[in-house]
Amino acid sequence: MLGAIAAEMERQATWRTWLAARLPETLFARITGVVERNAELVIFTESASWGVRLRYAMPDLQAELERFNPRIARVRVRVLPQRA
């Protein structure tokens, strides 16, 4: 169980690093989480308006994303506000 949790935390950190290197800082700062689920990458943003901006930015990264992880067939953007 702890091994699975550690592996998930490592995957999330890898995706955050990957996104940080490719997105503008103002947009990356609004990401509240990243989860890889099967063939999907789910990126959470703090609000719907930032989610829309991220949705528009992701197609520019599609080719790079496919080279980085060919298993990812789809990117979803969801809203998950920061905890206070």
Protein backbone atom coordinates (compact mmCIF):
# COMPACT_ATOMS: atom_id res chain seq x y z
CA MET A 1 0.00 0.00 0.00
CA LEU A 2 2.71 2.49 0.93
CA GLY A 3 4.61 1.54 -2.21
CA ALA A 4 1.58 2.38 -4.36
CA ILE A 5 1.15 5.72 -2.60
CA ALA A 6 4.82 6.55 -3.07
CA ALA A 7 4.64 5.60 -6.76
CA GLU A 8 1.59 7.84 -7.25
CA MET A 9 3.30 10.75 -5.52
CA GLU A 10 6.32 10.29 -7.77
CA ARG A 11 4.11 10.25 -10.92
CA GLN A 12 2.39 13.44 -9.78
CA ALA A 13 5.73 15.14 -9.10
CA THR A 14 7.01 14.08 -12.53
CA TRP A 15 3.94 15.55 -14.24
CA ARG A 16 4.16 18.78 -12.23
CA THR A 17 7.81 19.17 -13.25
CA TRP A 18 6.95 18.47 -16.89
CA LEU A 19 4.11 21.00 -16.89
CA ALA A 20 6.15 23.63 -15.02
CA ALA A 21 8.78 23.52 -17.76
CA ARG A 22 6.21 24.08 -20.51
CA LEU A 23 3.47 26.35 -19.20
CA PRO A 24 3.68 30.04 -18.36
CA GLU A 25 4.28 30.53 -14.63
CA THR A 26 0.99 32.42 -14.22
CA LEU A 27 -0.92 29.40 -15.55
CA PHE A 28 1.16 26.72 -13.83
CA ALA A 29 0.68 28.47 -10.48
CA ARG A 30 -3.08 27.84 -10.80
CA ILE A 31 -2.72 24.06 -11.10
CA THR A 32 -3.84 22.36 -7.89
CA GLY A 33 -3.15 18.75 -8.85
CA VAL A 34 -2.21 16.29 -11.57
CA VAL A 35 -3.30 12.65 -11.70
CA GLU A 36 -2.56 9.98 -14.28
CA ARG A 37 -5.50 7.59 -14.60
CA ASN A 38 -5.13 4.76 -17.10
CA ALA A 39 -4.74 6.54 -20.46
CA GLU A 40 -5.81 9.94 -19.13
CA LEU A 41 -3.98 12.84 -17.60
CA VAL A 42 -6.28 14.82 -15.31
CA ILE A 43 -5.09 18.31 -14.46
CA PHE A 44 -6.90 20.23 -11.72
CA THR A 45 -7.04 24.03 -11.63
CA GLU A 46 -8.22 26.38 -8.91
CA SER A 47 -11.13 27.82 -10.93
CA ALA A 48 -13.13 27.32 -14.10
CA SER A 49 -11.59 30.39 -15.74
CA TRP A 50 -8.07 29.03 -15.24
CA GLY A 51 -9.30 25.66 -16.47
CA VAL A 52 -10.40 27.24 -19.75
CA ARG A 53 -6.99 28.86 -20.18
CA LEU A 54 -5.31 25.52 -19.55
CA ARG A 55 -7.60 23.76 -22.04
CA TYR A 56 -6.52 26.26 -24.70
CA ALA A 57 -2.83 25.80 -23.84
CA MET A 58 -2.75 22.00 -23.87
CA PRO A 59 -3.16 21.38 -27.64
CA ASP A 60 0.17 23.19 -28.18
CA LEU A 61 1.81 20.60 -25.94
CA GLN A 62 0.12 17.53 -27.45
CA ALA A 63 3.05 16.33 -29.58
CA GLU A 64 5.49 16.75 -26.69
CA LEU A 65 3.10 14.99 -24.33
CA GLU A 66 2.81 12.02 -26.71
CA ARG A 67 6.61 11.73 -26.88
CA PHE A 68 6.94 12.03 -23.10
CA ASN A 69 4.27 9.43 -22.33
CA PRO A 70 2.69 7.68 -25.32
CA ARG A 71 0.15 5.93 -23.04
CA ILE A 72 -1.70 9.21 -22.42
CA ALA A 73 -4.52 9.35 -24.97
CA ARG A 74 -6.52 12.17 -23.41
CA VAL A 75 -6.07 15.21 -21.18
CA ARG A 76 -8.91 16.36 -18.95
CA VAL A 77 -9.03 19.60 -17.04
CA ARG A 78 -11.09 19.75 -13.86
CA VAL A 79 -11.67 22.32 -11.13
CA LEU A 80 -10.36 21.61 -7.64
CA PRO A 81 -9.90 24.80 -5.58
CA GLN A 82 -6.91 25.13 -3.25
CA ARG A 83 -7.60 24.29 0.35
CA ALA A 84 -7.47 27.23 2.72
